[in-house]
Amino acid sequence: MATQHPVLALDIGGTKLAVAMVTPDGRTHGCLIEPTEKHRGPDAVIAHLFDMGRRSVAAAGLGDAGAVGISCGGPLDATAGVLTGPLHLPGWTDVPIVAMASAAFGVPAVVENDATAAVLGEHRYGAARGAAIALYLTLSTGVGGGAIIDGRLHRGAAGNGGEFGHLMVRPGGRRCECGRRGCLEAYASGTNIAVRANEVLAATERPSSLRGLPAVRAEHVSAAAAAGDALAAEIWDETTALLGQAVTDLVNLFEPHVVVLGGGVTRSGAMLLDPVREIVRVTAMPPAARAIVTLAGLGDEVCVVGAGALALDLVEAARV
């Protein structure tokens, strides 16, 4: 990319805020990660986010940002630059985040669904680099998705395409934040893995190493399952089975070259990746079953780098 302007990337998650300056080589500088504290409401959280952004610019020492890229879960209106009602941020209705960021930093800004930004980051700098057709699923507070089709970012008519977390994997099953029952997100998000574990612990007296933990999290479930805890293993096996089913459906639908899995739940590594890969290998239709299923090459920085890639494109477009 010809431009050398660094940009500021802001990622708004339900659990954490992440910011960094991003350079055209995809590297992050002055990265900061702090709790979202979403109970404080949009005004307080956005003020905190912008303060983090200013601190990141100062810490990076690269000069002012040429643009601001923002990633956030949907629904959102990327064209209007408005967060219309992110499921992981209750009460954030019609927040004009792009206008707010542009005013705060004095440069153009852009917003995209976080997983859409992430697939762009992975396609440009990470595990999906150069793939003509690539899919991305983020397994975090919620479950999101993004797609590269014929080398181009797929956004959908209003910028919310790729909501892979709301694939139906168990009709009539657990209630999802979207209002339906049985969505993948209701089973495979870090939030819902923990909720399911707590429900089982409350409903049974079966022994488990999870008992007595002050707050059961998804990483506790995967670690306990790896250590042979039968109760945790049942929860984890259900998680990977339903995720594998969803990835298989996506592979059959898109016939991608690569499917990238990212987000906090994927820190479990092979505990997650191996069973999902095997389900796809065995159950997907040939030749789609040859799709590579892998973990995000950008790790925990994937959404920040993706937001940076969007901002870099904005700067480049202004130069043409």
Protein backbone atom coordinates (compact mmCIF):
# COMPACT_ATOMS: atom_id res chain seq x y z
CA MET A 1 0.00 0.00 0.00
CA ALA A 2 1.50 3.33 -1.03
CA THR A 3 0.44 5.43 1.93
CA GLN A 4 2.62 5.54 5.03
CA HIS A 5 0.05 7.23 7.25
CA PRO A 6 -0.60 5.38 10.51
CA VAL A 7 -4.23 5.15 11.59
CA LEU A 8 -6.07 4.73 14.87
CA ALA A 9 -8.08 1.54 15.38
CA LEU A 10 -10.82 1.23 18.00
CA ASP A 11 -12.53 -2.07 18.85
CA ILE A 12 -15.68 -1.96 20.99
CA GLY A 13 -16.35 -5.33 22.60
CA GLY A 14 -18.92 -6.35 25.14
CA THR A 15 -16.17 -7.25 27.63
CA LYS A 16 -13.18 -5.14 26.60
CA LEU A 17 -12.14 -2.11 24.62
CA ALA A 18 -8.99 -2.38 22.50
CA VAL A 19 -7.21 0.45 20.71
CA ALA A 20 -3.96 0.79 18.78
CA MET A 21 -2.20 2.73 16.08
CA VAL A 22 -1.86 0.55 12.97
CA THR A 23 0.71 0.98 10.22
CA PRO A 24 0.32 -0.22 6.61
CA ASP A 25 2.31 -3.39 7.38
CA GLY A 26 -0.47 -4.46 9.77
CA ARG A 27 1.59 -3.92 12.91
CA THR A 28 0.04 -2.39 16.01
CA HIS A 29 1.68 0.29 18.14
CA GLY A 30 0.65 1.71 21.50
CA CYS A 31 -1.93 -1.02 22.01
CA LEU A 32 -4.22 -0.63 25.04
CA ILE A 33 -6.86 -3.06 26.34
CA GLU A 34 -9.24 -2.07 29.13
CA PRO A 35 -12.64 -3.28 30.42
CA THR A 36 -15.71 -2.01 28.60
CA GLU A 37 -17.83 -1.58 31.74
CA LYS A 38 -20.89 -1.44 29.53
CA HIS A 39 -23.16 -0.89 32.52
CA ARG A 40 -21.95 2.74 32.48
CA GLY A 41 -23.81 3.37 29.22
CA PRO A 42 -22.69 4.59 25.80
CA ASP A 43 -21.67 8.15 26.70
CA ALA A 44 -19.27 7.09 29.46
CA VAL A 45 -17.87 4.13 27.52
CA ILE A 46 -17.27 6.17 24.36
CA ALA A 47 -15.57 8.93 26.37
CA HIS A 48 -13.31 6.25 27.86
CA LEU A 49 -12.68 4.73 24.42
CA PHE A 50 -11.65 8.08 22.94
CA ASP A 51 -9.40 8.77 25.92
CA MET A 52 -7.74 5.41 25.27
CA GLY A 53 -7.34 6.44 21.65
CA ARG A 54 -5.54 9.64 22.60
CA ARG A 55 -3.27 7.72 24.96
CA SER A 56 -2.53 5.19 22.24
CA VAL A 57 -1.55 7.92 19.76
CA ALA A 58 0.80 9.40 22.34
CA ALA A 59 2.30 6.04 23.32
CA ALA A 60 2.88 4.96 19.71
CA GLY A 61 4.93 8.05 18.93
CA LEU A 62 4.04 7.95 15.23
CA GLY A 63 2.37 11.34 15.00
CA ASP A 64 -1.31 11.99 14.44
CA ALA A 65 -3.60 9.36 12.95
CA GLY A 66 -4.66 9.79 9.33
CA ALA A 67 -8.08 8.24 9.99
CA VAL A 68 -10.00 6.26 12.60
CA GLY A 69 -11.31 2.73 12.04
CA ILE A 70 -13.92 1.33 14.42
CA SER A 71 -15.05 -2.27 14.80
CA CYS A 72 -18.13 -3.22 16.81
CA GLY A 73 -20.68 -5.99 16.88
CA GLY A 74 -23.96 -5.37 15.07
CA PRO A 75 -26.55 -4.50 14.16
CA LEU A 76 -25.05 -1.29 12.78
CA ASP A 77 -25.37 0.92 9.72
CA ALA A 78 -21.89 1.17 8.26
CA THR A 79 -22.95 3.60 5.52
CA ALA A 80 -24.51 6.04 7.99
CA GLY A 81 -21.79 5.37 10.58
CA VAL A 82 -24.33 4.51 13.27
CA LEU A 83 -24.50 1.72 15.85
CA THR A 84 -28.19 0.92 15.53
CA GLY A 85 -28.43 -1.57 18.40
CA PRO A 86 -25.46 -3.90 19.07
CA LEU A 87 -26.71 -7.04 20.80
CA HIS A 88 -23.72 -7.09 23.16
CA LEU A 89 -24.26 -3.45 24.19
CA PRO A 90 -27.81 -3.06 25.54
CA GLY A 91 -29.07 0.51 25.37
CA TRP A 92 -26.73 1.56 22.56
CA THR A 93 -29.45 2.67 20.17
CA ASP A 94 -28.66 4.83 17.12
CA VAL A 95 -25.24 5.95 18.38
CA PRO A 96 -23.53 8.09 15.65
CA ILE A 97 -20.11 6.64 16.40
CA VAL A 98 -18.42 7.74 13.15
CA ALA A 99 -19.42 11.38 13.54
CA MET A 100 -18.37 11.28 17.19
CA ALA A 101 -14.96 9.79 16.40
CA SER A 102 -14.34 12.18 13.51
CA ALA A 103 -15.15 15.15 15.75
CA ALA A 104 -12.98 13.82 18.58
CA PHE A 105 -9.88 13.19 16.45
CA GLY A 106 -10.34 15.65 13.59
CA VAL A 107 -9.96 13.04 10.82
CA PRO A 108 -12.30 10.82 8.76
CA ALA A 109 -13.65 7.72 10.45
CA VAL A 110 -15.31 4.46 9.41
CA VAL A 111 -17.17 1.70 11.26
CA GLU A 112 -17.75 -1.95 10.39
CA ASN A 113 -19.11 -5.03 12.09
CA ASP A 114 -16.25 -6.41 14.18
CA ALA A 115 -16.11 -9.79 12.45
CA THR A 116 -16.30 -8.11 9.03
CA ALA A 117 -13.31 -6.01 10.03
CA ALA A 118 -11.59 -9.13 11.34
CA VAL A 119 -11.93 -11.09 8.11
CA LEU A 120 -10.41 -8.13 6.26
CA GLY A 121 -7.49 -8.13 8.70
CA GLU A 122 -6.94 -11.87 8.34
CA HIS A 123 -7.21 -11.65 4.54
CA ARG A 124 -4.67 -8.85 4.29
CA TYR A 125 -2.23 -9.81 7.05
CA GLY A 126 -3.14 -13.13 8.65
CA ALA A 127 -4.22 -16.74 8.17
CA ALA A 128 -6.45 -16.01 5.12
CA ARG A 129 -3.88 -13.92 3.28
CA GLY A 130 -4.56 -13.99 -0.45
CA ALA A 131 -7.49 -16.45 -0.30
CA ALA A 132 -10.15 -15.68 -2.89
CA ILE A 133 -12.92 -17.03 -0.64
CA ALA A 134 -12.43 -16.87 3.13
CA LEU A 135 -14.76 -17.04 6.11
CA TYR A 136 -14.14 -15.83 9.66
CA LEU A 137 -15.97 -16.68 12.87
CA THR A 138 -15.26 -14.89 16.11
CA LEU A 139 -16.10 -16.76 19.31
CA SER A 140 -16.10 -14.20 22.07
CA THR A 141 -18.79 -12.42 24.11
CA GLY A 142 -20.98 -13.33 21.17
CA VAL A 143 -20.40 -15.17 17.89
CA GLY A 144 -19.89 -13.10 14.75
CA GLY A 145 -18.77 -13.74 11.22
CA GLY A 146 -17.34 -12.18 8.10
CA ALA A 147 -16.62 -13.23 4.54
CA ILE A 148 -14.30 -12.47 1.65
CA ILE A 149 -15.95 -13.46 -1.64
CA ASP A 150 -13.90 -13.40 -4.86
CA GLY A 151 -11.24 -11.39 -3.05
CA ARG A 152 -13.67 -8.68 -1.92
CA LEU A 153 -15.11 -7.93 1.50
CA HIS A 154 -18.76 -9.00 1.77
CA ARG A 155 -20.77 -6.45 3.74
CA GLY A 156 -24.40 -7.16 2.92
CA ALA A 157 -27.02 -4.62 1.88
CA ALA A 158 -26.78 -2.60 5.10
CA GLY A 159 -23.38 -3.70 6.35
CA ASN A 160 -24.51 -6.56 8.58
CA GLY A 161 -23.90 -9.55 6.31
CA GLY A 162 -22.12 -12.54 7.79
CA GLU A 163 -24.05 -12.98 11.03
CA PHE A 164 -22.85 -16.57 11.28
CA GLY A 165 -23.51 -16.65 15.02
CA HIS A 166 -27.22 -16.71 14.27
CA LEU A 167 -27.19 -19.88 12.22
CA MET A 168 -29.77 -22.24 13.69
CA VAL A 169 -27.98 -25.26 15.16
CA ARG A 170 -30.68 -26.53 17.54
CA PRO A 171 -34.23 -25.52 16.62
CA GLY A 172 -36.26 -24.62 19.70
CA GLY A 173 -33.12 -24.67 21.83
CA ARG A 174 -31.56 -22.06 24.07
CA ARG A 175 -32.80 -18.49 23.74
CA CYS A 176 -30.38 -16.18 21.93
CA GLU A 177 -29.92 -12.43 22.43
CA CYS A 178 -31.38 -11.94 18.94
CA GLY A 179 -34.72 -13.33 20.18
CA ARG A 180 -34.65 -16.69 18.41
CA ARG A 181 -33.98 -20.07 19.97
CA GLY A 182 -31.17 -22.42 19.02
CA CYS A 183 -28.64 -20.04 17.44
CA LEU A 184 -24.96 -20.99 17.42
CA GLU A 185 -24.21 -17.98 19.63
CA ALA A 186 -26.44 -19.41 22.36
CA TYR A 187 -24.05 -22.37 22.64
CA ALA A 188 -20.58 -21.43 21.36
CA SER A 189 -19.96 -17.90 22.65
CA GLY A 190 -17.70 -17.58 25.67
CA THR A 191 -20.60 -16.05 27.56
CA ASN A 192 -22.96 -18.94 26.90
CA ILE A 193 -20.39 -21.68 27.47
CA ALA A 194 -20.03 -20.25 30.99
CA VAL A 195 -23.80 -19.88 31.44
CA ARG A 196 -24.41 -23.49 30.40
CA ALA A 197 -21.75 -24.71 32.82
CA ASN A 198 -23.31 -22.80 35.68
CA GLU A 199 -26.75 -24.14 34.83
CA VAL A 200 -25.52 -27.73 34.92
CA LEU A 201 -23.67 -27.16 38.19
CA ALA A 202 -26.82 -25.71 39.75
CA ALA A 203 -29.04 -28.53 38.49
CA THR A 204 -26.89 -31.47 39.61
CA GLU A 205 -24.67 -32.59 42.45
CA ARG A 206 -22.21 -34.29 40.11
CA PRO A 207 -18.59 -33.71 41.12
CA SER A 208 -16.65 -31.20 39.05
CA SER A 209 -13.50 -29.15 39.40
CA LEU A 210 -15.60 -26.18 38.29
CA ARG A 211 -17.41 -26.11 41.63
CA GLY A 212 -16.21 -23.45 43.98
CA LEU A 213 -14.78 -21.17 41.31
CA PRO A 214 -15.83 -17.57 41.99
CA ALA A 215 -16.85 -17.11 38.33
CA VAL A 216 -16.82 -19.95 35.81
CA ARG A 217 -15.55 -18.82 32.41
CA ALA A 218 -15.24 -20.60 29.07
CA GLU A 219 -11.50 -21.12 29.56
CA HIS A 220 -12.22 -22.92 32.85
CA VAL A 221 -14.58 -25.28 31.04
CA SER A 222 -12.07 -26.14 28.31
CA ALA A 223 -9.22 -26.58 30.80
CA ALA A 224 -11.33 -28.81 33.04
CA ALA A 225 -12.45 -30.87 30.05
CA ALA A 226 -8.82 -31.32 28.99
CA ALA A 227 -7.99 -32.48 32.52
CA GLY A 228 -10.66 -35.19 32.41
CA ASP A 229 -13.56 -33.49 34.20
CA ALA A 230 -16.60 -35.40 32.87
CA LEU A 231 -19.14 -32.63 33.45
CA ALA A 232 -16.96 -30.02 31.74
CA ALA A 233 -16.23 -32.43 28.89
CA GLU A 234 -19.95 -32.86 28.16
CA ILE A 235 -20.40 -29.08 27.88
CA TRP A 236 -17.27 -28.67 25.77
CA ASP A 237 -18.13 -31.58 23.47
CA GLU A 238 -21.58 -30.13 22.82
CA THR A 239 -19.94 -26.78 22.04
CA THR A 240 -17.48 -28.19 19.51
CA ALA A 241 -20.12 -30.47 17.95
CA LEU A 242 -22.50 -27.57 17.29
CA LEU A 243 -19.69 -25.31 16.10
CA GLY A 244 -18.50 -28.05 13.76
CA GLN A 245 -22.04 -28.43 12.44
CA ALA A 246 -22.26 -24.69 11.74
CA VAL A 247 -18.84 -24.55 10.06
CA THR A 248 -19.80 -27.55 7.92
CA ASP A 249 -22.96 -25.75 6.77
CA LEU A 250 -20.90 -22.66 5.92
CA VAL A 251 -18.32 -24.72 4.05
CA ASN A 252 -21.05 -26.41 2.02
CA LEU A 253 -22.64 -23.04 1.26
CA PHE A 254 -19.56 -20.99 0.33
CA GLU A 255 -16.94 -23.62 -0.58
CA PRO A 256 -14.19 -21.40 0.87
CA HIS A 257 -10.46 -21.90 0.65
CA VAL A 258 -10.08 -21.20 4.37
CA VAL A 259 -12.23 -20.81 7.49
CA VAL A 260 -10.57 -18.82 10.27
CA LEU A 261 -11.67 -19.10 13.91
CA GLY A 262 -10.84 -16.26 16.27
CA GLY A 263 -11.89 -14.68 19.55
CA GLY A 264 -11.22 -15.48 23.19
CA VAL A 265 -12.72 -18.98 23.11
CA THR A 266 -10.10 -20.06 20.56
CA ARG A 267 -7.35 -19.64 23.17
CA SER A 268 -8.22 -23.26 23.97
CA GLY A 269 -6.30 -24.10 20.77
CA ALA A 270 -6.42 -27.72 19.69
CA MET A 271 -9.21 -28.48 22.17
CA LEU A 272 -11.48 -26.44 19.91
CA LEU A 273 -9.80 -26.67 16.53
CA ASP A 274 -9.20 -30.42 16.26
CA PRO A 275 -12.81 -31.62 16.75
CA VAL A 276 -14.20 -28.87 14.50
CA ARG A 277 -11.71 -29.77 11.76
CA GLU A 278 -12.64 -33.45 12.03
CA ILE A 279 -16.37 -32.76 11.83
CA VAL A 280 -15.85 -30.68 8.69
CA ARG A 281 -13.58 -33.31 7.16
CA VAL A 282 -16.07 -36.10 7.76
CA THR A 283 -19.41 -34.38 7.15
CA ALA A 284 -18.86 -31.59 4.59
CA MET A 285 -19.62 -32.34 0.96
CA PRO A 286 -16.62 -32.90 -1.31
CA PRO A 287 -14.79 -30.92 -2.57
CA ALA A 288 -15.84 -28.28 0.00
CA ALA A 289 -14.51 -30.54 2.76
CA ARG A 290 -10.98 -29.65 1.64
CA ALA A 291 -11.37 -26.16 3.13
CA ILE A 292 -8.62 -25.28 5.57
CA VAL A 293 -9.97 -24.65 9.08
CA THR A 294 -7.47 -22.74 11.18
CA LEU A 295 -7.03 -20.27 14.02
CA ALA A 296 -6.66 -16.53 13.48
CA GLY A 297 -3.11 -15.58 12.55
CA LEU A 298 -3.52 -12.19 14.21
CA GLY A 299 -4.60 -13.65 17.54
CA ASP A 300 -6.25 -11.30 20.00
CA GLU A 301 -5.39 -8.26 17.85
CA VAL A 302 -7.49 -9.39 14.89
CA CYS A 303 -10.36 -6.89 15.29
CA VAL A 304 -7.99 -3.99 15.99
CA VAL A 305 -5.89 -4.81 12.92
CA GLY A 306 -9.07 -5.21 10.86
CA ALA A 307 -10.35 -1.81 12.00
CA GLY A 308 -6.95 -0.40 11.12
CA ALA A 309 -7.14 -1.92 7.64
CA LEU A 310 -10.47 -0.18 7.10
CA ALA A 311 -8.99 3.15 8.17
CA LEU A 312 -5.92 2.62 5.97
CA ASP A 313 -8.24 2.05 3.02
CA LEU A 314 -10.05 5.28 3.90
CA VAL A 315 -6.77 7.22 3.84
CA GLU A 316 -5.73 5.60 0.58
CA ALA A 317 -9.09 6.40 -1.06
CA ALA A 318 -8.66 10.08 -0.12
CA ARG A 319 -5.31 10.11 -1.94
CA VAL A 320 -6.73 8.88 -5.24
